[in-house]
Amino acid sequence: MKLRVQITSVMLASMLALSGCSSLPGFGWIGASSSTVSYQDTKWCVPRKLKRVLNRVSKQYGPVTVHSTKRWWYENWRKGGARNSYHLNCKAVDFSVRGDPSSVIAYLKSQPEVGGYKYYPGGHYHIDTGPRRTW
């Protein structure tokens, strides 16, 4: 019993010592809260850097719902997507989040990982990893 208490004390001390390391690369899992990003489309397709942006958007504005990630050519054509859409190569995300659209767009513009960005009047946002642009 005493050994178990000592192990727990050592583990607790280690966790406390590392708790300030969450800002270091590779240690973000320490003290991380559960994500409020939900996916209604394939999560595996979203680039890690866009996942980080979505998590930051969620922390700033609240729950994020991802509506579109990977599109196959026919789906992209049917939805009126650009011929060389970043959705075709798993490099784009369409999502919704509460918040003033001009504030959310300004926040997205401030994220270095975001290339293309747009707000659609229906309440959806688009971000991708391409060059910096909007349309």
C-alpha atoms as a PDB file:
ATOM      1  CA  MET A   1       0.000   0.000   0.000  1.00  0.00           C
ATOM      2  CA  LYS A   2       2.780   2.405   0.908  1.00  0.00           C
ATOM      3  CA  LEU A   3       4.558   1.711  -2.385  1.00  0.00           C
ATOM      4  CA  ARG A   4       1.380   2.583  -4.283  1.00  0.00           C
ATOM      5  CA  VAL A   5       1.181   5.950  -2.508  1.00  0.00           C
ATOM      6  CA  GLN A   6       4.822   6.696  -3.372  1.00  0.00           C
ATOM      7  CA  ILE A   7       4.244   5.882  -7.049  1.00  0.00           C
ATOM      8  CA  THR A   8       1.188   8.102  -7.101  1.00  0.00           C
ATOM      9  CA  SER A   9       3.193  10.916  -5.491  1.00  0.00           C
ATOM     10  CA  VAL A  10       5.934  10.570  -8.094  1.00  0.00           C
ATOM     11  CA  MET A  11       3.384  10.532 -10.909  1.00  0.00           C
ATOM     12  CA  LEU A  12       1.636  13.603  -9.485  1.00  0.00           C
ATOM     13  CA  ALA A  13       4.930  15.467  -9.122  1.00  0.00           C
ATOM     14  CA  SER A  14       5.843  14.619 -12.717  1.00  0.00           C
ATOM     15  CA  MET A  15       2.488  15.793 -14.012  1.00  0.00           C
ATOM     16  CA  LEU A  16       2.786  19.075 -12.102  1.00  0.00           C
ATOM     17  CA  ALA A  17       6.305  19.601 -13.403  1.00  0.00           C
ATOM     18  CA  LEU A  18       5.153  19.024 -16.990  1.00  0.00           C
ATOM     19  CA  SER A  19       1.919  20.998 -16.732  1.00  0.00           C
ATOM     20  CA  GLY A  20       3.645  24.145 -17.971  1.00  0.00           C
ATOM     21  CA  CYS A  21       4.967  22.303 -21.040  1.00  0.00           C
ATOM     22  CA  SER A  22       1.718  22.338 -22.992  1.00  0.00           C
ATOM     23  CA  SER A  23       3.008  25.219 -25.099  1.00  0.00           C
ATOM     24  CA  LEU A  24       6.058  23.212 -26.180  1.00  0.00           C
ATOM     25  CA  PRO A  25       5.816  21.359 -29.507  1.00  0.00           C
ATOM     26  CA  GLY A  26       4.645  17.805 -28.944  1.00  0.00           C
ATOM     27  CA  PHE A  27       3.361  18.438 -25.417  1.00  0.00           C
ATOM     28  CA  GLY A  28      -0.020  20.018 -26.278  1.00  0.00           C
ATOM     29  CA  TRP A  29      -1.808  16.924 -24.982  1.00  0.00           C
ATOM     30  CA  ILE A  30      -0.814  17.778 -21.410  1.00  0.00           C
ATOM     31  CA  GLY A  31      -3.698  19.507 -19.705  1.00  0.00           C
ATOM     32  CA  ALA A  32      -5.637  19.664 -22.964  1.00  0.00           C
ATOM     33  CA  SER A  33      -9.371  20.029 -22.701  1.00  0.00           C
ATOM     34  CA  SER A  34     -11.707  18.046 -24.873  1.00  0.00           C
ATOM     35  CA  SER A  35     -12.141  19.449 -28.346  1.00  0.00           C
ATOM     36  CA  THR A  36     -15.336  21.189 -29.270  1.00  0.00           C
ATOM     37  CA  VAL A  37     -14.825  20.528 -32.969  1.00  0.00           C
ATOM     38  CA  SER A  38     -17.325  18.042 -34.364  1.00  0.00           C
ATOM     39  CA  TYR A  39     -17.070  16.482 -37.795  1.00  0.00           C
ATOM     40  CA  GLN A  40     -20.015  15.739 -40.086  1.00  0.00           C
ATOM     41  CA  ASP A  41     -17.560  14.661 -42.782  1.00  0.00           C
ATOM     42  CA  THR A  42     -14.300  12.712 -42.889  1.00  0.00           C
ATOM     43  CA  LYS A  43     -11.919  13.834 -40.147  1.00  0.00           C
ATOM     44  CA  TRP A  44      -8.947  11.837 -41.480  1.00  0.00           C
ATOM     45  CA  CYS A  45      -8.716  14.124 -44.492  1.00  0.00           C
ATOM     46  CA  VAL A  46      -8.128  17.405 -42.625  1.00  0.00           C
ATOM     47  CA  PRO A  47      -4.485  18.549 -42.529  1.00  0.00           C
ATOM     48  CA  ARG A  48      -3.044  18.833 -39.023  1.00  0.00           C
ATOM     49  CA  LYS A  49      -2.424  22.553 -39.413  1.00  0.00           C
ATOM     50  CA  LEU A  50      -6.091  23.184 -40.250  1.00  0.00           C
ATOM     51  CA  LYS A  51      -7.131  21.043 -37.271  1.00  0.00           C
ATOM     52  CA  ARG A  52      -5.031  23.325 -35.077  1.00  0.00           C
ATOM     53  CA  VAL A  53      -6.773  26.376 -36.564  1.00  0.00           C
ATOM     54  CA  LEU A  54     -10.198  24.805 -35.952  1.00  0.00           C
ATOM     55  CA  ASN A  55      -9.254  24.111 -32.327  1.00  0.00           C
ATOM     56  CA  ARG A  56      -8.148  27.730 -31.856  1.00  0.00           C
ATOM     57  CA  VAL A  57     -11.370  28.980 -33.485  1.00  0.00           C
ATOM     58  CA  SER A  58     -13.309  26.768 -31.082  1.00  0.00           C
ATOM     59  CA  LYS A  59     -11.465  28.195 -28.072  1.00  0.00           C
ATOM     60  CA  GLN A  60     -12.137  31.735 -29.299  1.00  0.00           C
ATOM     61  CA  TYR A  61     -15.764  31.433 -30.486  1.00  0.00           C
ATOM     62  CA  GLY A  62     -17.206  28.184 -29.129  1.00  0.00           C
ATOM     63  CA  PRO A  63     -18.220  24.883 -30.758  1.00  0.00           C
ATOM     64  CA  VAL A  64     -17.190  24.354 -34.386  1.00  0.00           C
ATOM     65  CA  THR A  65     -19.042  22.030 -36.756  1.00  0.00           C
ATOM     66  CA  VAL A  66     -17.121  20.817 -39.805  1.00  0.00           C
ATOM     67  CA  HIS A  67     -19.465  20.234 -42.745  1.00  0.00           C
ATOM     68  CA  SER A  68     -17.172  19.477 -45.667  1.00  0.00           C
ATOM     69  CA  THR A  69     -13.636  18.158 -45.995  1.00  0.00           C
ATOM     70  CA  LYS A  70     -12.836  15.677 -48.783  1.00  0.00           C
ATOM     71  CA  ARG A  71     -14.868  15.920 -51.982  1.00  0.00           C
ATOM     72  CA  TRP A  72     -14.737  13.495 -54.827  1.00  0.00           C
ATOM     73  CA  TRP A  73     -14.757  15.084 -58.289  1.00  0.00           C
ATOM     74  CA  TYR A  74     -18.449  14.371 -58.938  1.00  0.00           C
ATOM     75  CA  GLU A  75     -19.560  15.813 -55.587  1.00  0.00           C
ATOM     76  CA  ASN A  76     -17.386  18.867 -56.163  1.00  0.00           C
ATOM     77  CA  TRP A  77     -18.857  19.372 -59.639  1.00  0.00           C
ATOM     78  CA  ARG A  78     -22.413  18.905 -58.332  1.00  0.00           C
ATOM     79  CA  LYS A  79     -21.852  21.483 -55.557  1.00  0.00           C
ATOM     80  CA  GLY A  80     -20.402  23.988 -58.022  1.00  0.00           C
ATOM     81  CA  GLY A  81     -16.885  23.785 -56.580  1.00  0.00           C
ATOM     82  CA  ALA A  82     -13.879  25.142 -58.400  1.00  0.00           C
ATOM     83  CA  ARG A  83     -12.280  22.774 -60.902  1.00  0.00           C
ATOM     84  CA  ASN A  84      -9.069  22.591 -58.856  1.00  0.00           C
ATOM     85  CA  SER A  85     -10.751  22.874 -55.456  1.00  0.00           C
ATOM     86  CA  TYR A  86      -8.556  22.229 -52.431  1.00  0.00           C
ATOM     87  CA  HIS A  87     -11.336  19.936 -51.190  1.00  0.00           C
ATOM     88  CA  LEU A  88     -10.330  17.444 -53.893  1.00  0.00           C
ATOM     89  CA  ASN A  89      -6.916  16.975 -52.253  1.00  0.00           C
ATOM     90  CA  CYS A  90      -7.870  17.082 -48.560  1.00  0.00           C
ATOM     91  CA  LYS A  91      -6.577  20.615 -48.125  1.00  0.00           C
ATOM     92  CA  ALA A  92      -9.817  22.497 -47.340  1.00  0.00           C
ATOM     93  CA  VAL A  93     -12.525  22.630 -44.688  1.00  0.00           C
ATOM     94  CA  ASP A  94     -15.983  24.182 -44.614  1.00  0.00           C
ATOM     95  CA  PHE A  95     -17.323  24.776 -41.114  1.00  0.00           C
ATOM     96  CA  SER A  96     -19.736  26.811 -39.038  1.00  0.00           C
ATOM     97  CA  VAL A  97     -19.242  28.582 -35.720  1.00  0.00           C
ATOM     98  CA  ARG A  98     -21.172  31.227 -33.797  1.00  0.00           C
ATOM     99  CA  GLY A  99     -19.777  34.710 -33.760  1.00  0.00           C
ATOM    100  CA  ASP A 100     -19.799  37.912 -35.733  1.00  0.00           C
ATOM    101  CA  PRO A 101     -18.708  36.977 -39.277  1.00  0.00           C
ATOM    102  CA  SER A 102     -16.374  39.975 -39.624  1.00  0.00           C
ATOM    103  CA  SER A 103     -14.677  39.037 -36.341  1.00  0.00           C
ATOM    104  CA  VAL A 104     -14.324  35.374 -37.340  1.00  0.00           C
ATOM    105  CA  ILE A 105     -12.911  36.315 -40.757  1.00  0.00           C
ATOM    106  CA  ALA A 106     -10.421  38.706 -39.131  1.00  0.00           C
ATOM    107  CA  TYR A 107      -9.390  35.890 -36.781  1.00  0.00           C
ATOM    108  CA  LEU A 108      -8.985  33.436 -39.682  1.00  0.00           C
ATOM    109  CA  LYS A 109      -6.884  35.997 -41.577  1.00  0.00           C
ATOM    110  CA  SER A 110      -4.580  36.251 -38.566  1.00  0.00           C
ATOM    111  CA  GLN A 111      -3.829  32.509 -38.657  1.00  0.00           C
ATOM    112  CA  PRO A 112      -0.613  31.838 -40.612  1.00  0.00           C
ATOM    113  CA  GLU A 113      -1.750  28.305 -41.576  1.00  0.00           C
ATOM    114  CA  VAL A 114      -4.776  29.644 -43.471  1.00  0.00           C
ATOM    115  CA  GLY A 115      -4.367  30.406 -47.153  1.00  0.00           C
ATOM    116  CA  GLY A 116      -7.794  30.792 -48.709  1.00  0.00           C
ATOM    117  CA  TYR A 117     -10.704  31.917 -46.565  1.00  0.00           C
ATOM    118  CA  LYS A 118     -14.285  32.926 -47.199  1.00  0.00           C
ATOM    119  CA  TYR A 119     -17.568  33.476 -45.397  1.00  0.00           C
ATOM    120  CA  TYR A 120     -20.700  32.225 -47.112  1.00  0.00           C
ATOM    121  CA  PRO A 121     -23.941  34.062 -46.283  1.00  0.00           C
ATOM    122  CA  GLY A 122     -25.558  30.789 -45.151  1.00  0.00           C
ATOM    123  CA  GLY A 123     -23.254  30.862 -42.102  1.00  0.00           C
ATOM    124  CA  HIS A 124     -20.417  28.619 -43.306  1.00  0.00           C
ATOM    125  CA  TYR A 125     -16.727  29.442 -43.489  1.00  0.00           C
ATOM    126  CA  HIS A 126     -14.119  27.990 -45.829  1.00  0.00           C
ATOM    127  CA  ILE A 127     -10.406  27.713 -45.058  1.00  0.00           C
ATOM    128  CA  ASP A 128      -7.672  25.952 -46.994  1.00  0.00           C
ATOM    129  CA  THR A 129      -3.909  25.521 -47.166  1.00  0.00           C
ATOM    130  CA  GLY A 130      -3.434  27.224 -50.540  1.00  0.00           C
ATOM    131  CA  PRO A 131      -1.931  30.670 -51.165  1.00  0.00           C
ATOM    132  CA  ARG A 132      -3.369  33.645 -49.243  1.00  0.00           C
ATOM    133  CA  ARG A 133      -6.549  34.745 -51.040  1.00  0.00           C
ATOM    134  CA  THR A 134     -10.302  35.164 -50.841  1.00  0.00           C
ATOM    135  CA  TRP A 135     -12.926  35.350 -53.562  1.00  0.00           C
END
